[in-house]
mmCIF file of all heavy atoms, coordinates in Angstrom:
data_MODEL
# 
_entry.id   MODEL 
# 
loop_
_atom_site.group_PDB 
_atom_site.id 
_atom_site.type_symbol 
_atom_site.label_atom_id 
_atom_site.label_alt_id 
_atom_site.label_comp_id 
_atom_site.label_asym_id 
_atom_site.label_entity_id 
_atom_site.label_seq_id 
_atom_site.pdbx_PDB_ins_code 
_atom_site.Cartn_x 
_atom_site.Cartn_y 
_atom_site.Cartn_z 
_atom_site.occupancy 
_atom_site.B_iso_or_equiv 
_atom_site.pdbx_formal_charge 
_atom_site.auth_seq_id 
_atom_site.auth_comp_id 
_atom_site.auth_asym_id 
_atom_site.auth_atom_id 
_atom_site.pdbx_PDB_model_num 
ATOM 1   N N   . ALA A 1 1  ? 4.783   13.254  -1.776 1.00 0.00 ? 1  ALA A N   1 
ATOM 2   C CA  . ALA A 1 1  ? 4.571   13.517  -3.281 1.00 0.00 ? 1  ALA A CA  1 
ATOM 3   C C   . ALA A 1 1  ? 4.974   14.914  -3.688 1.00 0.00 ? 1  ALA A C   1 
ATOM 4   O O   . ALA A 1 1  ? 5.154   15.121  -4.906 1.00 0.00 ? 1  ALA A O   1 
ATOM 5   C CB  . ALA A 1 1  ? 3.015   13.354  -3.521 1.00 0.00 ? 1  ALA A CB  1 
ATOM 6   N N   . ALA A 1 2  ? 5.244   15.733  -2.756 1.00 0.00 ? 2  ALA A N   1 
ATOM 7   C CA  . ALA A 1 2  ? 5.829   17.056  -3.060 1.00 0.00 ? 2  ALA A CA  1 
ATOM 8   C C   . ALA A 1 2  ? 7.364   16.966  -3.391 1.00 0.00 ? 2  ALA A C   1 
ATOM 9   O O   . ALA A 1 2  ? 7.858   17.864  -4.061 1.00 0.00 ? 2  ALA A O   1 
ATOM 10  C CB  . ALA A 1 2  ? 5.472   18.122  -2.092 1.00 0.00 ? 2  ALA A CB  1 
ATOM 11  N N   . ARG A 1 3  ? 7.969   15.975  -2.927 1.00 0.00 ? 3  ARG A N   1 
ATOM 12  C CA  . ARG A 1 3  ? 9.371   15.827  -3.000 1.00 0.00 ? 3  ARG A CA  1 
ATOM 13  C C   . ARG A 1 3  ? 9.887   15.446  -4.439 1.00 0.00 ? 3  ARG A C   1 
ATOM 14  O O   . ARG A 1 3  ? 9.098   14.922  -5.192 1.00 0.00 ? 3  ARG A O   1 
ATOM 15  C CB  . ARG A 1 3  ? 9.837   14.858  -1.997 1.00 0.00 ? 3  ARG A CB  1 
ATOM 16  C CG  . ARG A 1 3  ? 9.688   15.182  -0.514 1.00 0.00 ? 3  ARG A CG  1 
ATOM 17  C CD  . ARG A 1 3  ? 10.487  14.391  0.447  1.00 0.00 ? 3  ARG A CD  1 
ATOM 18  N NE  . ARG A 1 3  ? 11.855  14.661  0.306  1.00 0.00 ? 3  ARG A NE  1 
ATOM 19  C CZ  . ARG A 1 3  ? 12.809  14.168  1.177  1.00 0.00 ? 3  ARG A CZ  1 
ATOM 20  N NH1 . ARG A 1 3  ? 12.394  13.395  2.160  1.00 0.00 ? 3  ARG A NH1 1 
ATOM 21  N NH2 . ARG A 1 3  ? 14.124  14.428  0.936  1.00 0.00 ? 3  ARG A NH2 1 
ATOM 22  N N   . ALA A 1 4  ? 11.147  15.650  -4.666 1.00 0.00 ? 4  ALA A N   1 
ATOM 23  C CA  . ALA A 1 4  ? 11.778  15.299  -5.926 1.00 0.00 ? 4  ALA A CA  1 
ATOM 24  C C   . ALA A 1 4  ? 12.394  13.844  -5.817 1.00 0.00 ? 4  ALA A C   1 
ATOM 25  O O   . ALA A 1 4  ? 12.452  13.272  -4.723 1.00 0.00 ? 4  ALA A O   1 
ATOM 26  C CB  . ALA A 1 4  ? 12.824  16.241  -6.280 1.00 0.00 ? 4  ALA A CB  1 
ATOM 27  N N   . ASP A 1 5  ? 12.696  13.386  -6.992 1.00 0.00 ? 5  ASP A N   1 
ATOM 28  C CA  . ASP A 1 5  ? 13.496  12.088  -7.117 1.00 0.00 ? 5  ASP A CA  1 
ATOM 29  C C   . ASP A 1 5  ? 12.734  10.775  -6.813 1.00 0.00 ? 5  ASP A C   1 
ATOM 30  O O   . ASP A 1 5  ? 12.517  9.966   -7.774 1.00 0.00 ? 5  ASP A O   1 
ATOM 31  C CB  . ASP A 1 5  ? 14.733  12.129  -6.336 1.00 0.00 ? 5  ASP A CB  1 
ATOM 32  C CG  . ASP A 1 5  ? 15.680  13.282  -6.755 1.00 0.00 ? 5  ASP A CG  1 
ATOM 33  O OD1 . ASP A 1 5  ? 15.810  13.454  -7.951 1.00 0.00 ? 5  ASP A OD1 1 
ATOM 34  O OD2 . ASP A 1 5  ? 16.258  13.896  -5.858 1.00 0.00 ? 5  ASP A OD2 1 
ATOM 35  N N   . SER A 1 6  ? 12.273  10.569  -5.604 1.00 0.00 ? 6  SER A N   1 
ATOM 36  C CA  . SER A 1 6  ? 11.602  9.274   -5.323 1.00 0.00 ? 6  SER A CA  1 
ATOM 37  C C   . SER A 1 6  ? 10.215  9.264   -5.935 1.00 0.00 ? 6  SER A C   1 
ATOM 38  O O   . SER A 1 6  ? 9.650   10.276  -6.313 1.00 0.00 ? 6  SER A O   1 
ATOM 39  C CB  . SER A 1 6  ? 11.469  9.093   -3.757 1.00 0.00 ? 6  SER A CB  1 
ATOM 40  O OG  . SER A 1 6  ? 10.616  10.266  -3.197 1.00 0.00 ? 6  SER A OG  1 
ATOM 41  N N   . THR A 1 7  ? 9.719   8.036   -6.160 1.00 0.00 ? 7  THR A N   1 
ATOM 42  C CA  . THR A 1 7  ? 8.447   7.792   -6.765 1.00 0.00 ? 7  THR A CA  1 
ATOM 43  C C   . THR A 1 7  ? 7.379   7.497   -5.704 1.00 0.00 ? 7  THR A C   1 
ATOM 44  O O   . THR A 1 7  ? 7.424   6.411   -5.164 1.00 0.00 ? 7  THR A O   1 
ATOM 45  C CB  . THR A 1 7  ? 8.445   6.763   -7.866 1.00 0.00 ? 7  THR A CB  1 
ATOM 46  O OG1 . THR A 1 7  ? 9.527   7.086   -8.785 1.00 0.00 ? 7  THR A OG1 1 
ATOM 47  C CG2 . THR A 1 7  ? 7.146   6.538   -8.599 1.00 0.00 ? 7  THR A CG2 1 
ATOM 48  N N   . PRO A 1 8  ? 6.431   8.335   -5.471 1.00 0.00 ? 8  PRO A N   1 
ATOM 49  C CA  . PRO A 1 8  ? 5.443   8.126   -4.407 1.00 0.00 ? 8  PRO A CA  1 
ATOM 50  C C   . PRO A 1 8  ? 4.275   7.229   -4.795 1.00 0.00 ? 8  PRO A C   1 
ATOM 51  O O   . PRO A 1 8  ? 3.772   7.205   -5.996 1.00 0.00 ? 8  PRO A O   1 
ATOM 52  C CB  . PRO A 1 8  ? 4.952   9.481   -4.071 1.00 0.00 ? 8  PRO A CB  1 
ATOM 53  C CG  . PRO A 1 8  ? 5.095   10.242  -5.270 1.00 0.00 ? 8  PRO A CG  1 
ATOM 54  C CD  . PRO A 1 8  ? 6.283   9.706   -6.029 1.00 0.00 ? 8  PRO A CD  1 
ATOM 55  N N   . LEU A 1 9  ? 3.821   6.287   -3.970 1.00 0.00 ? 9  LEU A N   1 
ATOM 56  C CA  . LEU A 1 9  ? 2.688   5.418   -4.255 1.00 0.00 ? 9  LEU A CA  1 
ATOM 57  C C   . LEU A 1 9  ? 1.599   5.638   -3.264 1.00 0.00 ? 9  LEU A C   1 
ATOM 58  O O   . LEU A 1 9  ? 1.833   5.579   -1.982 1.00 0.00 ? 9  LEU A O   1 
ATOM 59  C CB  . LEU A 1 9  ? 3.211   3.952   -4.120 1.00 0.00 ? 9  LEU A CB  1 
ATOM 60  C CG  . LEU A 1 9  ? 2.176   2.927   -4.367 1.00 0.00 ? 9  LEU A CG  1 
ATOM 61  C CD1 . LEU A 1 9  ? 2.761   1.622   -5.009 1.00 0.00 ? 9  LEU A CD1 1 
ATOM 62  C CD2 . LEU A 1 9  ? 1.630   2.386   -2.916 1.00 0.00 ? 9  LEU A CD2 1 
ATOM 63  N N   . TYR A 1 10 ? 0.361   5.920   -3.839 1.00 0.00 ? 10 TYR A N   1 
ATOM 64  C CA  . TYR A 1 10 ? -0.740  6.152   -2.922 1.00 0.00 ? 10 TYR A CA  1 
ATOM 65  C C   . TYR A 1 10 ? -1.535  4.860   -2.778 1.00 0.00 ? 10 TYR A C   1 
ATOM 66  O O   . TYR A 1 10 ? -2.124  4.408   -3.656 1.00 0.00 ? 10 TYR A O   1 
ATOM 67  C CB  . TYR A 1 10 ? -1.659  7.325   -3.493 1.00 0.00 ? 10 TYR A CB  1 
ATOM 68  C CG  . TYR A 1 10 ? -2.778  7.677   -2.521 1.00 0.00 ? 10 TYR A CG  1 
ATOM 69  C CD1 . TYR A 1 10 ? -2.588  8.755   -1.675 1.00 0.00 ? 10 TYR A CD1 1 
ATOM 70  C CD2 . TYR A 1 10 ? -3.983  6.935   -2.464 1.00 0.00 ? 10 TYR A CD2 1 
ATOM 71  C CE1 . TYR A 1 10 ? -3.648  9.109   -0.841 1.00 0.00 ? 10 TYR A CE1 1 
ATOM 72  C CE2 . TYR A 1 10 ? -5.042  7.244   -1.596 1.00 0.00 ? 10 TYR A CE2 1 
ATOM 73  C CZ  . TYR A 1 10 ? -4.804  8.365   -0.704 1.00 0.00 ? 10 TYR A CZ  1 
ATOM 74  O OH  . TYR A 1 10 ? -5.824  8.662   0.159  1.00 0.00 ? 10 TYR A OH  1 
ATOM 75  N N   . PHE A 1 11 ? -1.705  4.337   -1.535 1.00 0.00 ? 11 PHE A N   1 
ATOM 76  C CA  . PHE A 1 11 ? -2.462  3.069   -1.281 1.00 0.00 ? 11 PHE A CA  1 
ATOM 77  C C   . PHE A 1 11 ? -3.938  3.516   -1.073 1.00 0.00 ? 11 PHE A C   1 
ATOM 78  O O   . PHE A 1 11 ? -4.228  4.345   -0.170 1.00 0.00 ? 11 PHE A O   1 
ATOM 79  C CB  . PHE A 1 11 ? -1.851  2.387   0.008  1.00 0.00 ? 11 PHE A CB  1 
ATOM 80  C CG  . PHE A 1 11 ? -2.762  1.420   0.515  1.00 0.00 ? 11 PHE A CG  1 
ATOM 81  C CD1 . PHE A 1 11 ? -2.973  0.151   -0.212 1.00 0.00 ? 11 PHE A CD1 1 
ATOM 82  C CD2 . PHE A 1 11 ? -3.389  1.507   1.726  1.00 0.00 ? 11 PHE A CD2 1 
ATOM 83  C CE1 . PHE A 1 11 ? -3.782  -0.762  0.236  1.00 0.00 ? 11 PHE A CE1 1 
ATOM 84  C CE2 . PHE A 1 11 ? -4.185  0.462   2.165  1.00 0.00 ? 11 PHE A CE2 1 
ATOM 85  C CZ  . PHE A 1 11 ? -4.415  -0.653  1.518  1.00 0.00 ? 11 PHE A CZ  1 
ATOM 86  N N   . ASN A 1 12 ? -4.754  2.815   -1.853 1.00 0.00 ? 12 ASN A N   1 
ATOM 87  C CA  . ASN A 1 12 ? -6.229  3.010   -1.701 1.00 0.00 ? 12 ASN A CA  1 
ATOM 88  C C   . ASN A 1 12 ? -6.750  1.989   -0.650 1.00 0.00 ? 12 ASN A C   1 
ATOM 89  O O   . ASN A 1 12 ? -6.843  0.923   -0.938 1.00 0.00 ? 12 ASN A O   1 
ATOM 90  C CB  . ASN A 1 12 ? -6.872  2.943   -3.097 1.00 0.00 ? 12 ASN A CB  1 
ATOM 91  C CG  . ASN A 1 12 ? -8.451  3.109   -2.961 1.00 0.00 ? 12 ASN A CG  1 
ATOM 92  O OD1 . ASN A 1 12 ? -9.108  2.228   -3.465 1.00 0.00 ? 12 ASN A OD1 1 
ATOM 93  N ND2 . ASN A 1 12 ? -8.889  4.113   -2.336 1.00 0.00 ? 12 ASN A ND2 1 
ATOM 94  N N   . ARG A 1 13 ? -7.212  2.521   0.446  1.00 0.00 ? 13 ARG A N   1 
ATOM 95  C CA  . ARG A 1 13 ? -7.908  1.710   1.469  1.00 0.00 ? 13 ARG A CA  1 
ATOM 96  C C   . ARG A 1 13 ? -9.258  1.242   0.968  1.00 0.00 ? 13 ARG A C   1 
ATOM 97  O O   . ARG A 1 13 ? -9.856  1.750   0.097  1.00 0.00 ? 13 ARG A O   1 
ATOM 98  C CB  . ARG A 1 13 ? -8.120  2.510   2.793  1.00 0.00 ? 13 ARG A CB  1 
ATOM 99  C CG  . ARG A 1 13 ? -6.846  2.804   3.533  1.00 0.00 ? 13 ARG A CG  1 
ATOM 100 C CD  . ARG A 1 13 ? -7.235  3.485   4.769  1.00 0.00 ? 13 ARG A CD  1 
ATOM 101 N NE  . ARG A 1 13 ? -6.110  3.609   5.700  1.00 0.00 ? 13 ARG A NE  1 
ATOM 102 C CZ  . ARG A 1 13 ? -6.128  3.968   6.987  1.00 0.00 ? 13 ARG A CZ  1 
ATOM 103 N NH1 . ARG A 1 13 ? -7.298  4.279   7.463  1.00 0.00 ? 13 ARG A NH1 1 
ATOM 104 N NH2 . ARG A 1 13 ? -5.049  4.061   7.722  1.00 0.00 ? 13 ARG A NH2 1 
ATOM 105 N N   . THR A 1 14 ? -9.684  0.103   1.533  1.00 0.00 ? 14 THR A N   1 
ATOM 106 C CA  . THR A 1 14 ? -11.046 -0.383  1.246  1.00 0.00 ? 14 THR A CA  1 
ATOM 107 C C   . THR A 1 14 ? -12.063 0.520   1.583  1.00 0.00 ? 14 THR A C   1 
ATOM 108 O O   . THR A 1 14 ? -11.877 1.351   2.568  1.00 0.00 ? 14 THR A O   1 
ATOM 109 C CB  . THR A 1 14 ? -11.293 -1.761  1.897  1.00 0.00 ? 14 THR A CB  1 
ATOM 110 O OG1 . THR A 1 14 ? -11.159 -1.647  3.328  1.00 0.00 ? 14 THR A OG1 1 
ATOM 111 C CG2 . THR A 1 14 ? -10.372 -2.809  1.254  1.00 0.00 ? 14 THR A CG2 1 
ATOM 112 N N   . ALA A 1 15 ? -13.234 0.555   0.949  1.00 0.00 ? 15 ALA A N   1 
ATOM 113 C CA  . ALA A 1 15 ? -14.304 1.412   1.284  1.00 0.00 ? 15 ALA A CA  1 
ATOM 114 C C   . ALA A 1 15 ? -15.054 1.003   2.522  1.00 0.00 ? 15 ALA A C   1 
ATOM 115 O O   . ALA A 1 15 ? -14.944 -0.145  3.070  1.00 0.00 ? 15 ALA A O   1 
ATOM 116 C CB  . ALA A 1 15 ? -15.391 1.447   0.078  1.00 0.00 ? 15 ALA A CB  1 
ATOM 117 N N   . GLY A 1 16 ? -15.743 1.959   3.179  1.00 0.00 ? 16 GLY A N   1 
ATOM 118 C CA  . GLY A 1 16 ? -16.402 1.729   4.392  1.00 0.00 ? 16 GLY A CA  1 
ATOM 119 C C   . GLY A 1 16 ? -15.706 2.143   5.561  1.00 0.00 ? 16 GLY A C   1 
ATOM 120 O O   . GLY A 1 16 ? -14.513 2.555   5.493  1.00 0.00 ? 16 GLY A O   1 
ATOM 121 N N   . ARG A 1 17 ? -16.323 2.117   6.724  1.00 0.00 ? 17 ARG A N   1 
ATOM 122 C CA  . ARG A 1 17 ? -15.738 2.664   7.932  1.00 0.00 ? 17 ARG A CA  1 
ATOM 123 C C   . ARG A 1 17 ? -14.868 1.664   8.640  1.00 0.00 ? 17 ARG A C   1 
ATOM 124 O O   . ARG A 1 17 ? -14.033 2.075   9.512  1.00 0.00 ? 17 ARG A O   1 
ATOM 125 C CB  . ARG A 1 17 ? -16.869 3.075   8.894  1.00 0.00 ? 17 ARG A CB  1 
ATOM 126 C CG  . ARG A 1 17 ? -17.705 4.197   8.338  1.00 0.00 ? 17 ARG A CG  1 
ATOM 127 C CD  . ARG A 1 17 ? -18.835 4.539   9.314  1.00 0.00 ? 17 ARG A CD  1 
ATOM 128 N NE  . ARG A 1 17 ? -19.635 5.754   8.869  1.00 0.00 ? 17 ARG A NE  1 
ATOM 129 C CZ  . ARG A 1 17 ? -20.641 6.231   9.440  1.00 0.00 ? 17 ARG A CZ  1 
ATOM 130 N NH1 . ARG A 1 17 ? -21.037 5.702   10.512 1.00 0.00 ? 17 ARG A NH1 1 
ATOM 131 N NH2 . ARG A 1 17 ? -21.348 7.212   8.865  1.00 0.00 ? 17 ARG A NH2 1 
ATOM 132 N N   . LYS A 1 18 ? -14.926 0.383   8.374  1.00 0.00 ? 18 LYS A N   1 
ATOM 133 C CA  . LYS A 1 18 ? -14.147 -0.592  9.073  1.00 0.00 ? 18 LYS A CA  1 
ATOM 134 C C   . LYS A 1 18 ? -13.042 -1.197  8.201  1.00 0.00 ? 18 LYS A C   1 
ATOM 135 O O   . LYS A 1 18 ? -13.135 -1.209  6.979  1.00 0.00 ? 18 LYS A O   1 
ATOM 136 C CB  . LYS A 1 18 ? -15.049 -1.781  9.568  1.00 0.00 ? 18 LYS A CB  1 
ATOM 137 C CG  . LYS A 1 18 ? -16.137 -1.435  10.514 1.00 0.00 ? 18 LYS A CG  1 
ATOM 138 C CD  . LYS A 1 18 ? -17.024 -2.582  10.900 1.00 0.00 ? 18 LYS A CD  1 
ATOM 139 C CE  . LYS A 1 18 ? -18.073 -2.253  11.902 1.00 0.00 ? 18 LYS A CE  1 
ATOM 140 N NZ  . LYS A 1 18 ? -18.907 -3.404  12.316 1.00 0.00 ? 18 LYS A NZ  1 
ATOM 141 N N   . LYS A 1 19 ? -12.028 -1.625  8.814  1.00 0.00 ? 19 LYS A N   1 
ATOM 142 C CA  . LYS A 1 19 ? -10.864 -2.258  8.138  1.00 0.00 ? 19 LYS A CA  1 
ATOM 143 C C   . LYS A 1 19 ? -11.351 -3.401  7.319  1.00 0.00 ? 19 LYS A C   1 
ATOM 144 O O   . LYS A 1 19 ? -12.168 -4.223  7.833  1.00 0.00 ? 19 LYS A O   1 
ATOM 145 C CB  . LYS A 1 19 ? -9.852  -2.588  9.172  1.00 0.00 ? 19 LYS A CB  1 
ATOM 146 C CG  . LYS A 1 19 ? -8.757  -3.407  8.623  1.00 0.00 ? 19 LYS A CG  1 
ATOM 147 C CD  . LYS A 1 19 ? -7.792  -3.936  9.759  1.00 0.00 ? 19 LYS A CD  1 
ATOM 148 C CE  . LYS A 1 19 ? -6.796  -4.874  9.247  1.00 0.00 ? 19 LYS A CE  1 
ATOM 149 N NZ  . LYS A 1 19 ? -5.858  -5.440  10.261 1.00 0.00 ? 19 LYS A NZ  1 
ATOM 150 N N   . LEU A 1 20 ? -10.937 -3.457  6.064  1.00 0.00 ? 20 LEU A N   1 
ATOM 151 C CA  . LEU A 1 20 ? -11.148 -4.649  5.198  1.00 0.00 ? 20 LEU A CA  1 
ATOM 152 C C   . LEU A 1 20 ? -12.616 -4.785  4.904  1.00 0.00 ? 20 LEU A C   1 
ATOM 153 O O   . LEU A 1 20 ? -13.138 -5.963  4.687  1.00 0.00 ? 20 LEU A O   1 
ATOM 154 C CB  . LEU A 1 20 ? -10.554 -5.882  5.753  1.00 0.00 ? 20 LEU A CB  1 
ATOM 155 C CG  . LEU A 1 20 ? -9.113  -5.826  5.964  1.00 0.00 ? 20 LEU A CG  1 
ATOM 156 C CD1 . LEU A 1 20 ? -8.443  -7.168  6.542  1.00 0.00 ? 20 LEU A CD1 1 
ATOM 157 C CD2 . LEU A 1 20 ? -8.314  -5.597  4.649  1.00 0.00 ? 20 LEU A CD2 1 
ATOM 158 N N   . GLN A 1 21 ? -13.433 -3.785  4.918  1.00 0.00 ? 21 GLN A N   1 
ATOM 159 C CA  . GLN A 1 21 ? -14.874 -3.892  4.570  1.00 0.00 ? 21 GLN A CA  1 
ATOM 160 C C   . GLN A 1 21 ? -14.968 -3.880  3.090  1.00 0.00 ? 21 GLN A C   1 
ATOM 161 O O   . GLN A 1 21 ? -14.325 -3.174  2.388  1.00 0.00 ? 21 GLN A O   1 
ATOM 162 C CB  . GLN A 1 21 ? -15.627 -2.714  5.216  1.00 0.00 ? 21 GLN A CB  1 
ATOM 163 C CG  . GLN A 1 21 ? -17.193 -2.855  5.249  1.00 0.00 ? 21 GLN A CG  1 
ATOM 164 C CD  . GLN A 1 21 ? -17.798 -1.697  5.914  1.00 0.00 ? 21 GLN A CD  1 
ATOM 165 O OE1 . GLN A 1 21 ? -17.174 -0.750  6.252  1.00 0.00 ? 21 GLN A OE1 1 
ATOM 166 N NE2 . GLN A 1 21 ? -19.103 -1.805  6.196  1.00 0.00 ? 21 GLN A NE2 1 
ATOM 167 N N   . GLY A 1 22 ? -15.929 -4.718  2.637  1.00 0.00 ? 22 GLY A N   1 
ATOM 168 C CA  . GLY A 1 22 ? -16.171 -4.833  1.184  1.00 0.00 ? 22 GLY A CA  1 
ATOM 169 C C   . GLY A 1 22 ? -15.639 -6.124  0.499  1.00 0.00 ? 22 GLY A C   1 
ATOM 170 O O   . GLY A 1 22 ? -15.312 -7.045  1.198  1.00 0.00 ? 22 GLY A O   1 
ATOM 171 N N   . ASN A 1 23 ? -15.645 -6.180  -0.833 1.00 0.00 ? 23 ASN A N   1 
ATOM 172 C CA  . ASN A 1 23 ? -15.363 -7.290  -1.487 1.00 0.00 ? 23 ASN A CA  1 
ATOM 173 C C   . ASN A 1 23 ? -14.133 -7.083  -2.415 1.00 0.00 ? 23 ASN A C   1 
ATOM 174 O O   . ASN A 1 23 ? -13.951 -5.946  -2.902 1.00 0.00 ? 23 ASN A O   1 
ATOM 175 C CB  . ASN A 1 23 ? -16.408 -7.823  -2.450 1.00 0.00 ? 23 ASN A CB  1 
ATOM 176 C CG  . ASN A 1 23 ? -17.687 -8.175  -1.586 1.00 0.00 ? 23 ASN A CG  1 
ATOM 177 O OD1 . ASN A 1 23 ? -17.416 -9.083  -0.653 1.00 0.00 ? 23 ASN A OD1 1 
ATOM 178 N ND2 . ASN A 1 23 ? -18.803 -7.765  -1.925 1.00 0.00 ? 23 ASN A ND2 1 
ATOM 179 N N   . ILE A 1 24 ? -13.329 -8.139  -2.667 1.00 0.00 ? 24 ILE A N   1 
ATOM 180 C CA  . ILE A 1 24 ? -12.200 -8.061  -3.664 1.00 0.00 ? 24 ILE A CA  1 
ATOM 181 C C   . ILE A 1 24 ? -12.790 -7.777  -5.051 1.00 0.00 ? 24 ILE A C   1 
ATOM 182 O O   . ILE A 1 24 ? -13.843 -8.403  -5.304 1.00 0.00 ? 24 ILE A O   1 
ATOM 183 C CB  . ILE A 1 24 ? -11.406 -9.336  -3.703 1.00 0.00 ? 24 ILE A CB  1 
ATOM 184 C CG1 . ILE A 1 24 ? -10.729 -9.622  -2.337 1.00 0.00 ? 24 ILE A CG1 1 
ATOM 185 C CG2 . ILE A 1 24 ? -10.407 -9.358  -4.736 1.00 0.00 ? 24 ILE A CG2 1 
ATOM 186 C CD1 . ILE A 1 24 ? -10.006 -10.871 -2.136 1.00 0.00 ? 24 ILE A CD1 1 
ATOM 187 N N   . GLY A 1 25 ? -12.266 -6.854  -5.749 1.00 0.00 ? 25 GLY A N   1 
ATOM 188 C CA  . GLY A 1 25 ? -12.847 -6.487  -6.972 1.00 0.00 ? 25 GLY A CA  1 
ATOM 189 C C   . GLY A 1 25 ? -13.440 -5.059  -6.992 1.00 0.00 ? 25 GLY A C   1 
ATOM 190 O O   . GLY A 1 25 ? -13.442 -4.392  -8.065 1.00 0.00 ? 25 GLY A O   1 
ATOM 191 N N   . ASP A 1 26 ? -13.967 -4.630  -5.836 1.00 0.00 ? 26 ASP A N   1 
ATOM 192 C CA  . ASP A 1 26 ? -14.469 -3.316  -5.719 1.00 0.00 ? 26 ASP A CA  1 
ATOM 193 C C   . ASP A 1 26 ? -13.444 -2.212  -5.523 1.00 0.00 ? 26 ASP A C   1 
ATOM 194 O O   . ASP A 1 26 ? -12.340 -2.462  -5.021 1.00 0.00 ? 26 ASP A O   1 
ATOM 195 C CB  . ASP A 1 26 ? -15.500 -3.260  -4.583 1.00 0.00 ? 26 ASP A CB  1 
ATOM 196 C CG  . ASP A 1 26 ? -16.654 -4.200  -4.592 1.00 0.00 ? 26 ASP A CG  1 
ATOM 197 O OD1 . ASP A 1 26 ? -16.943 -4.582  -5.710 1.00 0.00 ? 26 ASP A OD1 1 
ATOM 198 O OD2 . ASP A 1 26 ? -17.220 -4.449  -3.570 1.00 0.00 ? 26 ASP A OD2 1 
ATOM 199 N N   . ALA A 1 27 ? -13.749 -1.002  -5.974 1.00 0.00 ? 27 ALA A N   1 
ATOM 200 C CA  . ALA A 1 27 ? -12.951 0.142   -5.719 1.00 0.00 ? 27 ALA A CA  1 
ATOM 201 C C   . ALA A 1 27 ? -12.876 0.369   -4.076 1.00 0.00 ? 27 ALA A C   1 
ATOM 202 O O   . ALA A 1 27 ? -13.819 0.043   -3.430 1.00 0.00 ? 27 ALA A O   1 
ATOM 203 C CB  . ALA A 1 27 ? -13.405 1.391   -6.397 1.00 0.00 ? 27 ALA A CB  1 
# 
């Protein structure tokens, strides 16, 4: 994100300590 030209995308992981924890629709 500090670099020029390219467009950076930040992926928001699901909440909680485990992979894929939570429900679709939640932040």
